[in-house]
């Protein structure tokens, strides 16, 4: 899991959920966000942080459906 994604998750989900996601990341990364146990409020917080810190556009927002999408977005943004 990308370090930037870890930071985002640590800020927006409980420690227990973070550890569960980290442990199961390879299996869960393509699952829908809500299937991983992330609730809608936490998901919105993640999206707000992505917009504020990485200039998440409305177009890209609609492409984020799972943890892998977030990770790929962060990889692209960190290249810039």
C-alpha atoms as a PDB file:
ATOM      1  CA  UNK A   1       0.000   0.000   0.000  1.00  0.00           C
ATOM      2  CA  UNK A   2       1.291   3.432  -0.940  1.00  0.00           C
ATOM      3  CA  UNK A   3       2.458   5.548   2.008  1.00  0.00           C
ATOM      4  CA  UNK A   4       0.229   8.467   0.980  1.00  0.00           C
ATOM      5  CA  UNK A   5      -2.809   6.182   0.990  1.00  0.00           C
ATOM      6  CA  UNK A   6      -1.844   4.918   4.439  1.00  0.00           C
ATOM      7  CA  UNK A   7      -1.710   8.513   5.708  1.00  0.00           C
ATOM      8  CA  UNK A   8      -5.158   9.254   4.290  1.00  0.00           C
ATOM      9  CA  UNK A   9      -6.688   6.152   5.792  1.00  0.00           C
ATOM     10  CA  UNK A  10      -5.099   6.776   9.201  1.00  0.00           C
ATOM     11  CA  UNK A  11      -6.700  10.224   9.249  1.00  0.00           C
ATOM     12  CA  UNK A  12     -10.180   9.077   8.291  1.00  0.00           C
ATOM     13  CA  UNK A  13     -10.833   5.580   9.626  1.00  0.00           C
ATOM     14  CA  UNK A  14     -10.477   3.944  13.028  1.00  0.00           C
ATOM     15  CA  UNK A  15      -7.186   2.315  13.960  1.00  0.00           C
ATOM     16  CA  UNK A  16      -8.836  -1.128  13.946  1.00  0.00           C
ATOM     17  CA  UNK A  17     -10.275  -0.629  10.471  1.00  0.00           C
ATOM     18  CA  UNK A  18      -6.981   0.772   9.192  1.00  0.00           C
ATOM     19  CA  UNK A  19      -5.109  -2.304  10.428  1.00  0.00           C
ATOM     20  CA  UNK A  20      -7.721  -4.606   8.893  1.00  0.00           C
ATOM     21  CA  UNK A  21      -7.517  -2.807   5.546  1.00  0.00           C
ATOM     22  CA  UNK A  22      -3.710  -2.856   5.627  1.00  0.00           C
ATOM     23  CA  UNK A  23      -3.663  -6.574   6.419  1.00  0.00           C
ATOM     24  CA  UNK A  24      -6.128  -7.402   3.631  1.00  0.00           C
ATOM     25  CA  UNK A  25      -5.152  -4.697   1.143  1.00  0.00           C
ATOM     26  CA  UNK A  26      -4.136  -6.985  -1.711  1.00  0.00           C
ATOM     27  CA  UNK A  27      -7.482  -8.791  -1.531  1.00  0.00           C
ATOM     28  CA  UNK A  28      -9.610  -5.717  -0.849  1.00  0.00           C
ATOM     29  CA  UNK A  29      -8.060  -3.053  -3.089  1.00  0.00           C
ATOM     30  CA  UNK A  30     -10.504  -3.678  -5.936  1.00  0.00           C
ATOM     31  CA  UNK A  31     -13.578  -3.902  -3.683  1.00  0.00           C
ATOM     32  CA  UNK A  32     -15.953  -0.961  -3.509  1.00  0.00           C
ATOM     33  CA  UNK A  33     -14.978   1.557  -0.851  1.00  0.00           C
ATOM     34  CA  UNK A  34     -17.977   0.674   1.303  1.00  0.00           C
ATOM     35  CA  UNK A  35     -17.276  -3.072   1.096  1.00  0.00           C
ATOM     36  CA  UNK A  36     -14.006  -2.460   2.938  1.00  0.00           C
ATOM     37  CA  UNK A  37     -15.852  -1.057   5.961  1.00  0.00           C
ATOM     38  CA  UNK A  38     -15.192   2.601   5.184  1.00  0.00           C
ATOM     39  CA  UNK A  39     -18.361   4.580   5.897  1.00  0.00           C
ATOM     40  CA  UNK A  40     -19.695   7.450   3.809  1.00  0.00           C
ATOM     41  CA  UNK A  41     -18.477  10.168   6.187  1.00  0.00           C
ATOM     42  CA  UNK A  42     -14.930   8.788   6.147  1.00  0.00           C
ATOM     43  CA  UNK A  43     -15.076   8.429   2.353  1.00  0.00           C
ATOM     44  CA  UNK A  44     -16.155  12.049   1.993  1.00  0.00           C
ATOM     45  CA  UNK A  45     -13.280  13.132   4.253  1.00  0.00           C
ATOM     46  CA  UNK A  46     -10.839  11.215   2.065  1.00  0.00           C
ATOM     47  CA  UNK A  47     -12.234  12.875  -1.062  1.00  0.00           C
ATOM     48  CA  UNK A  48     -12.060  16.340   0.524  1.00  0.00           C
ATOM     49  CA  UNK A  49      -8.407  15.738   1.424  1.00  0.00           C
ATOM     50  CA  UNK A  50      -7.667  14.525  -2.098  1.00  0.00           C
ATOM     51  CA  UNK A  51      -9.263  17.662  -3.509  1.00  0.00           C
ATOM     52  CA  UNK A  52      -7.498  20.006  -1.098  1.00  0.00           C
ATOM     53  CA  UNK A  53      -4.053  18.415  -1.212  1.00  0.00           C
ATOM     54  CA  UNK A  54      -3.882  16.866  -4.675  1.00  0.00           C
ATOM     55  CA  UNK A  55      -6.309  18.940  -6.780  1.00  0.00           C
ATOM     56  CA  UNK A  56      -8.771  16.103  -7.320  1.00  0.00           C
ATOM     57  CA  UNK A  57     -10.935  17.192 -10.243  1.00  0.00           C
ATOM     58  CA  UNK A  58     -14.631  16.443 -10.613  1.00  0.00           C
ATOM     59  CA  UNK A  59     -13.795  14.206 -13.572  1.00  0.00           C
ATOM     60  CA  UNK A  60     -11.330  12.150 -11.523  1.00  0.00           C
ATOM     61  CA  UNK A  61     -13.740  12.090  -8.583  1.00  0.00           C
ATOM     62  CA  UNK A  62     -16.154  10.001 -10.617  1.00  0.00           C
ATOM     63  CA  UNK A  63     -13.383   7.521 -11.413  1.00  0.00           C
ATOM     64  CA  UNK A  64     -12.656   6.707  -7.748  1.00  0.00           C
ATOM     65  CA  UNK A  65     -14.592   3.638  -6.684  1.00  0.00           C
ATOM     66  CA  UNK A  66     -12.096   1.621  -4.640  1.00  0.00           C
ATOM     67  CA  UNK A  67      -8.795   1.793  -2.779  1.00  0.00           C
ATOM     68  CA  UNK A  68      -6.808   0.919  -5.888  1.00  0.00           C
ATOM     69  CA  UNK A  69      -8.329   3.895  -7.734  1.00  0.00           C
ATOM     70  CA  UNK A  70      -7.233   6.184  -4.896  1.00  0.00           C
ATOM     71  CA  UNK A  71      -3.761   4.667  -4.930  1.00  0.00           C
ATOM     72  CA  UNK A  72      -3.410   5.088  -8.714  1.00  0.00           C
ATOM     73  CA  UNK A  73      -4.589   8.697  -8.444  1.00  0.00           C
ATOM     74  CA  UNK A  74      -2.001   9.377  -5.734  1.00  0.00           C
ATOM     75  CA  UNK A  75       0.766   7.758  -7.784  1.00  0.00           C
ATOM     76  CA  UNK A  76      -0.066  10.003 -10.725  1.00  0.00           C
ATOM     77  CA  UNK A  77      -0.225  13.110  -8.548  1.00  0.00           C
ATOM     78  CA  UNK A  78       3.067  12.342  -6.829  1.00  0.00           C
ATOM     79  CA  UNK A  79       4.766  12.102 -10.243  1.00  0.00           C
ATOM     80  CA  UNK A  80       3.863  15.740 -10.983  1.00  0.00           C
END
